[in-house]
Amino acid sequence: MRNRKDSRDLHFLRNQIDLINLRLDDLSSFDDRKIKDILRRLGQIEDKLKRQKSILNAGEVAEYLHISVPQVYRLVKSGLPHYRNGRRYYFERSRIDEWLSESVRKTTGHDGNESNA
């Protein structure tokens, strides 16, 4: 009985080694162009994940609003909605969007939903 188990284990290990060798062969066929393409795709996935994130830190808000981190903290002082946990600031994306919309309404005097009728 012991021999059968050892034989199965050995067979399993050989299969695993064959699979690893196949994967290594696949990797060795990658050229710089394929690697750059994979990295580009990973970057796109990361960007999509960031856009879907609902709670942001100050650095992510800066990136989201295309401003500097110190500018984020200046906006906090002027009313940018945030939560604070110790020394860290957190922001809800939806509240930032609402705050931006409200700022646009105050600045332009309308809500941006006017029709040209």
N, C-alpha and C. Protein backbone atom coordinates (compact mmCIF):
# COMPACT_ATOMS: atom_id res chain seq x y z
N MET A 1 0.82 -1.19 0.00
CA MET A 1 0.00 0.00 0.00
C MET A 1 0.87 1.26 0.00
N ARG A 2 1.92 1.24 0.75
CA ARG A 2 2.82 2.39 0.85
C ARG A 2 3.44 2.72 -0.50
N ASN A 3 3.78 1.69 -1.26
CA ASN A 3 4.39 1.89 -2.58
C ASN A 3 3.46 2.61 -3.54
N ARG A 4 2.17 2.30 -3.48
CA ARG A 4 1.20 2.95 -4.37
C ARG A 4 1.12 4.44 -4.07
N LYS A 5 1.06 4.76 -2.79
CA LYS A 5 0.99 6.17 -2.40
C LYS A 5 2.25 6.89 -2.83
N ASP A 6 3.40 6.29 -2.60
CA ASP A 6 4.67 6.90 -3.01
C ASP A 6 4.69 7.07 -4.53
N SER A 7 4.18 6.09 -5.24
CA SER A 7 4.15 6.16 -6.70
C SER A 7 3.23 7.28 -7.16
N ARG A 8 2.08 7.43 -6.52
CA ARG A 8 1.15 8.51 -6.87
C ARG A 8 1.76 9.87 -6.56
N ASP A 9 2.40 9.97 -5.40
CA ASP A 9 3.05 11.23 -5.02
C ASP A 9 4.15 11.59 -6.01
N LEU A 10 4.92 10.61 -6.42
CA LEU A 10 5.98 10.84 -7.38
C LEU A 10 5.41 11.27 -8.73
N HIS A 11 4.33 10.62 -9.14
CA HIS A 11 3.66 10.97 -10.39
C HIS A 11 3.12 12.41 -10.30
N PHE A 12 2.51 12.75 -9.18
CA PHE A 12 1.98 14.10 -8.97
C PHE A 12 3.11 15.13 -9.05
N LEU A 13 4.21 14.87 -8.39
CA LEU A 13 5.34 15.79 -8.40
C LEU A 13 5.91 15.96 -9.81
N ARG A 14 5.99 14.85 -10.56
CA ARG A 14 6.47 14.96 -11.94
C ARG A 14 5.56 15.84 -12.78
N ASN A 15 4.24 15.68 -12.58
CA ASN A 15 3.28 16.53 -13.30
C ASN A 15 3.46 18.00 -12.93
N GLN A 16 3.66 18.26 -11.66
CA GLN A 16 3.87 19.64 -11.21
C GLN A 16 5.13 20.23 -11.82
N ILE A 17 6.18 19.45 -11.85
CA ILE A 17 7.44 19.91 -12.45
C ILE A 17 7.25 20.19 -13.93
N ASP A 18 6.51 19.33 -14.63
CA ASP A 18 6.23 19.56 -16.04
C ASP A 18 5.46 20.87 -16.24
N LEU A 19 4.48 21.12 -15.38
CA LEU A 19 3.70 22.35 -15.48
C LEU A 19 4.59 23.58 -15.24
N ILE A 20 5.45 23.48 -14.26
CA ILE A 20 6.37 24.59 -13.98
C ILE A 20 7.29 24.83 -15.16
N ASN A 21 7.80 23.76 -15.74
CA ASN A 21 8.67 23.90 -16.92
C ASN A 21 7.94 24.56 -18.08
N LEU A 22 6.67 24.19 -18.28
CA LEU A 22 5.89 24.82 -19.35
C LEU A 22 5.72 26.31 -19.08
N ARG A 23 5.45 26.66 -17.85
CA ARG A 23 5.28 28.07 -17.50
C ARG A 23 6.59 28.83 -17.68
N LEU A 24 7.69 28.22 -17.29
CA LEU A 24 8.99 28.87 -17.48
C LEU A 24 9.29 29.07 -18.96
N ASP A 25 8.93 28.08 -19.78
CA ASP A 25 9.12 28.22 -21.22
C ASP A 25 8.29 29.39 -21.75
N ASP A 26 7.05 29.51 -21.26
CA ASP A 26 6.21 30.63 -21.67
C ASP A 26 6.84 31.96 -21.29
N LEU A 27 7.37 32.04 -20.08
CA LEU A 27 7.99 33.29 -19.61
C LEU A 27 9.22 33.64 -20.42
N SER A 28 9.99 32.65 -20.79
CA SER A 28 11.22 32.93 -21.54
C SER A 28 10.91 33.44 -22.94
N SER A 29 9.70 33.19 -23.43
CA SER A 29 9.35 33.67 -24.76
C SER A 29 8.88 35.13 -24.74
N PHE A 30 8.78 35.73 -23.56
CA PHE A 30 8.37 37.13 -23.47
C PHE A 30 9.51 38.04 -23.88
N ASP A 31 9.20 38.95 -24.76
CA ASP A 31 10.20 39.95 -25.11
C ASP A 31 9.85 41.26 -24.40
N ASP A 32 10.67 42.26 -24.56
CA ASP A 32 10.45 43.54 -23.88
C ASP A 32 9.10 44.15 -24.23
N ARG A 33 8.69 43.99 -25.48
CA ARG A 33 7.42 44.56 -25.93
C ARG A 33 6.25 43.93 -25.17
N LYS A 34 6.28 42.61 -25.00
CA LYS A 34 5.21 41.93 -24.28
C LYS A 34 5.20 42.35 -22.81
N ILE A 35 6.37 42.47 -22.22
CA ILE A 35 6.46 42.87 -20.81
C ILE A 35 5.93 44.29 -20.64
N LYS A 36 6.31 45.20 -21.55
CA LYS A 36 5.81 46.58 -21.47
C LYS A 36 4.30 46.62 -21.63
N ASP A 37 3.77 45.78 -22.51
CA ASP A 37 2.32 45.72 -22.71
C ASP A 37 1.63 45.23 -21.44
N ILE A 38 2.19 44.21 -20.80
CA ILE A 38 1.61 43.70 -19.55
C ILE A 38 1.66 44.78 -18.47
N LEU A 39 2.77 45.49 -18.36
CA LEU A 39 2.88 46.56 -17.36
C LEU A 39 1.89 47.68 -17.64
N ARG A 40 1.70 47.99 -18.92
CA ARG A 40 0.72 49.02 -19.30
C ARG A 40 -0.68 48.60 -18.88
N ARG A 41 -1.01 47.34 -19.14
CA ARG A 41 -2.33 46.82 -18.77
C ARG A 41 -2.51 46.82 -17.25
N LEU A 42 -1.48 46.44 -16.52
CA LEU A 42 -1.56 46.48 -15.06
C LEU A 42 -1.79 47.90 -14.57
N GLY A 43 -1.14 48.85 -15.19
CA GLY A 43 -1.33 50.26 -14.84
C GLY A 43 -2.77 50.70 -15.08
N GLN A 44 -3.35 50.25 -16.18
CA GLN A 44 -4.74 50.58 -16.48
C GLN A 44 -5.68 49.98 -15.43
N ILE A 45 -5.39 48.75 -15.02
CA ILE A 45 -6.21 48.10 -14.00
C ILE A 45 -6.10 48.86 -12.68
N GLU A 46 -4.88 49.25 -12.31
CA GLU A 46 -4.68 50.02 -11.09
C GLU A 46 -5.46 51.33 -11.14
N ASP A 47 -5.42 52.00 -12.29
CA ASP A 47 -6.15 53.26 -12.44
C ASP A 47 -7.65 53.05 -12.26
N LYS A 48 -8.18 51.99 -12.85
CA LYS A 48 -9.60 51.70 -12.71
C LYS A 48 -9.96 51.41 -11.26
N LEU A 49 -9.10 50.67 -10.58
CA LEU A 49 -9.36 50.38 -9.17
C LEU A 49 -9.35 51.65 -8.33
N LYS A 50 -8.42 52.55 -8.63
CA LYS A 50 -8.36 53.82 -7.90
C LYS A 50 -9.62 54.63 -8.12
N ARG A 51 -10.12 54.62 -9.38
CA ARG A 51 -11.33 55.39 -9.68
C ARG A 51 -12.55 54.82 -8.97
N GLN A 52 -12.54 53.54 -8.66
CA GLN A 52 -13.68 52.92 -8.01
C GLN A 52 -13.62 53.03 -6.49
N LYS A 53 -12.48 53.36 -5.96
CA LYS A 53 -12.28 53.46 -4.53
C LYS A 53 -13.14 54.60 -3.98
N SER A 54 -13.89 54.35 -2.91
CA SER A 54 -14.79 55.38 -2.40
C SER A 54 -14.17 56.23 -1.30
N ILE A 55 -13.24 55.69 -0.54
CA ILE A 55 -12.55 56.45 0.51
C ILE A 55 -11.12 56.70 0.06
N LEU A 56 -10.71 57.96 0.07
CA LEU A 56 -9.40 58.35 -0.44
C LEU A 56 -8.57 59.01 0.66
N ASN A 57 -7.26 58.90 0.54
CA ASN A 57 -6.39 59.65 1.43
C ASN A 57 -6.02 60.97 0.72
N ALA A 58 -5.26 61.82 1.40
CA ALA A 58 -4.95 63.14 0.84
C ALA A 58 -4.19 63.05 -0.49
N GLY A 59 -3.26 62.12 -0.59
CA GLY A 59 -2.53 61.95 -1.84
C GLY A 59 -3.42 61.54 -2.99
N GLU A 60 -4.37 60.66 -2.71
CA GLU A 60 -5.30 60.20 -3.75
C GLU A 60 -6.26 61.32 -4.15
N VAL A 61 -6.65 62.16 -3.19
CA VAL A 61 -7.51 63.30 -3.51
C VAL A 61 -6.74 64.27 -4.41
N ALA A 62 -5.48 64.49 -4.07
CA ALA A 62 -4.65 65.38 -4.89
C ALA A 62 -4.58 64.85 -6.33
N GLU A 63 -4.37 63.58 -6.46
CA GLU A 63 -4.32 62.96 -7.79
C GLU A 63 -5.67 63.07 -8.49
N TYR A 64 -6.75 62.81 -7.75
CA TYR A 64 -8.11 62.86 -8.30
C TYR A 64 -8.45 64.27 -8.80
N LEU A 65 -8.04 65.29 -8.03
CA LEU A 65 -8.36 66.67 -8.39
C LEU A 65 -7.27 67.35 -9.22
N HIS A 66 -6.17 66.63 -9.47
CA HIS A 66 -5.04 67.17 -10.23
C HIS A 66 -4.46 68.42 -9.57
N ILE A 67 -4.26 68.30 -8.26
CA ILE A 67 -3.65 69.39 -7.49
C ILE A 67 -2.58 68.79 -6.58
N SER A 68 -1.88 69.64 -5.85
CA SER A 68 -0.85 69.15 -4.93
C SER A 68 -1.48 68.77 -3.58
N VAL A 69 -0.76 67.99 -2.81
CA VAL A 69 -1.23 67.60 -1.48
C VAL A 69 -1.38 68.83 -0.58
N PRO A 70 -0.41 69.77 -0.57
CA PRO A 70 -0.63 70.98 0.25
C PRO A 70 -1.91 71.73 -0.15
N GLN A 71 -2.25 71.72 -1.44
CA GLN A 71 -3.48 72.38 -1.88
C GLN A 71 -4.70 71.65 -1.33
N VAL A 72 -4.62 70.33 -1.21
CA VAL A 72 -5.73 69.56 -0.61
C VAL A 72 -5.95 70.05 0.81
N TYR A 73 -4.88 70.21 1.58
CA TYR A 73 -5.01 70.66 2.96
C TYR A 73 -5.53 72.10 3.03
N ARG A 74 -5.20 72.94 2.06
CA ARG A 74 -5.77 74.29 2.02
C ARG A 74 -7.27 74.22 1.75
N LEU A 75 -7.67 73.29 0.87
CA LEU A 75 -9.10 73.12 0.60
C LEU A 75 -9.84 72.59 1.82
N VAL A 76 -9.18 71.74 2.60
CA VAL A 76 -9.79 71.24 3.84
C VAL A 76 -10.15 72.42 4.74
N LYS A 77 -9.23 73.38 4.84
CA LYS A 77 -9.47 74.56 5.68
C LYS A 77 -10.61 75.41 5.16
N SER A 78 -10.85 75.33 3.85
CA SER A 78 -11.93 76.13 3.27
C SER A 78 -13.21 75.32 3.04
N GLY A 79 -13.28 74.12 3.61
CA GLY A 79 -14.55 73.40 3.59
C GLY A 79 -14.60 72.08 2.85
N LEU A 80 -13.50 71.62 2.29
CA LEU A 80 -13.51 70.31 1.62
C LEU A 80 -13.90 69.24 2.64
N PRO A 81 -15.00 68.50 2.39
CA PRO A 81 -15.46 67.50 3.37
C PRO A 81 -14.42 66.41 3.60
N HIS A 82 -14.21 66.08 4.86
CA HIS A 82 -13.19 65.10 5.21
C HIS A 82 -13.50 64.48 6.56
N TYR A 83 -12.78 63.41 6.85
CA TYR A 83 -12.80 62.77 8.15
C TYR A 83 -11.36 62.74 8.63
N ARG A 84 -11.21 62.80 9.92
CA ARG A 84 -9.86 62.79 10.46
C ARG A 84 -9.73 61.64 11.45
N ASN A 85 -8.63 60.92 11.34
CA ASN A 85 -8.30 59.85 12.28
C ASN A 85 -6.88 60.11 12.75
N GLY A 86 -6.74 60.70 13.92
CA GLY A 86 -5.42 61.10 14.38
C GLY A 86 -4.89 62.21 13.48
N ARG A 87 -3.74 61.98 12.89
CA ARG A 87 -3.14 62.97 12.01
C ARG A 87 -3.50 62.74 10.54
N ARG A 88 -4.23 61.69 10.26
CA ARG A 88 -4.56 61.35 8.87
C ARG A 88 -5.95 61.87 8.49
N TYR A 89 -6.03 62.30 7.24
CA TYR A 89 -7.29 62.78 6.68
C TYR A 89 -7.80 61.77 5.67
N TYR A 90 -9.11 61.57 5.68
CA TYR A 90 -9.75 60.67 4.72
C TYR A 90 -10.92 61.41 4.09
N PHE A 91 -11.21 61.06 2.86
CA PHE A 91 -12.21 61.77 2.08
C PHE A 91 -13.10 60.76 1.37
N GLU A 92 -14.42 61.06 1.35
CA GLU A 92 -15.34 60.23 0.57
C GLU A 92 -15.44 60.84 -0.83
N ARG A 93 -15.20 60.02 -1.82
CA ARG A 93 -15.24 60.50 -3.21
C ARG A 93 -16.58 61.17 -3.52
N SER A 94 -17.68 60.56 -3.09
CA SER A 94 -19.00 61.10 -3.40
C SER A 94 -19.20 62.49 -2.77
N ARG A 95 -18.68 62.69 -1.56
CA ARG A 95 -18.81 63.99 -0.91
C ARG A 95 -17.92 65.03 -1.58
N ILE A 96 -16.76 64.60 -2.08
CA ILE A 96 -15.90 65.52 -2.83
C ILE A 96 -16.62 65.96 -4.10
N ASP A 97 -17.24 65.01 -4.80
CA ASP A 97 -17.97 65.33 -6.03
C ASP A 97 -19.12 66.30 -5.74
N GLU A 98 -19.85 66.06 -4.65
CA GLU A 98 -20.94 66.97 -4.26
C GLU A 98 -20.39 68.36 -3.95
N TRP A 99 -19.29 68.41 -3.22
CA TRP A 99 -18.67 69.68 -2.85
C TRP A 99 -18.22 70.45 -4.09
N LEU A 100 -17.64 69.72 -5.05
CA LEU A 100 -17.21 70.36 -6.29
C LEU A 100 -18.41 70.91 -7.06
N SER A 101 -19.48 70.12 -7.14
CA SER A 101 -20.69 70.57 -7.84
C SER A 101 -21.26 71.82 -7.19
N GLU A 102 -21.30 71.81 -5.88
CA GLU A 102 -21.81 72.97 -5.14
C GLU A 102 -20.92 74.19 -5.38
N SER A 103 -19.61 73.98 -5.40
CA SER A 103 -18.67 75.09 -5.66
C SER A 103 -18.90 75.67 -7.05
N VAL A 104 -19.15 74.82 -8.04
CA VAL A 104 -19.40 75.28 -9.41
C VAL A 104 -20.69 76.09 -9.44
N ARG A 105 -21.73 75.60 -8.75
CA ARG A 105 -23.01 76.33 -8.71
C ARG A 105 -22.83 77.71 -8.09
N LYS A 106 -22.08 77.79 -7.00
CA LYS A 106 -21.85 79.08 -6.34
C LYS A 106 -21.05 80.01 -7.23
N THR A 107 -20.06 79.48 -7.93
CA THR A 107 -19.18 80.29 -8.76
C THR A 107 -19.89 80.79 -10.01
N THR A 108 -20.66 79.92 -10.66
CA THR A 108 -21.27 80.27 -11.94
C THR A 108 -22.69 80.79 -11.79
N GLY A 109 -23.31 80.55 -10.66
CA GLY A 109 -24.67 81.02 -10.46
C GLY A 109 -25.73 80.11 -11.06
N HIS A 110 -25.34 78.94 -11.54
CA HIS A 110 -26.31 77.98 -12.05
C HIS A 110 -25.81 76.57 -11.80
N ASP A 111 -26.69 75.61 -12.08
CA ASP A 111 -26.34 74.22 -11.76
C ASP A 111 -25.74 73.46 -12.94
N GLY A 112 -25.56 74.10 -14.07
CA GLY A 112 -24.95 73.43 -15.22
C GLY A 112 -25.91 72.55 -15.99
N ASN A 113 -27.18 72.50 -15.57
CA ASN A 113 -28.17 71.67 -16.24
C ASN A 113 -29.10 72.48 -17.11
N GLU A 114 -28.70 73.66 -17.52
CA GLU A 114 -29.54 74.50 -18.35
C GLU A 114 -29.63 73.95 -19.77
N SER A 115 -30.78 74.14 -20.37
CA SER A 115 -30.91 73.73 -21.77
C SER A 115 -30.81 74.96 -22.65
N ASN A 116 -30.44 74.75 -23.88
CA ASN A 116 -30.31 75.86 -24.83
C ASN A 116 -31.56 75.99 -25.68
N ALA A 117 -32.73 75.98 -25.06
CA ALA A 117 -33.99 76.03 -25.80
C ALA A 117 -34.35 77.44 -26.16
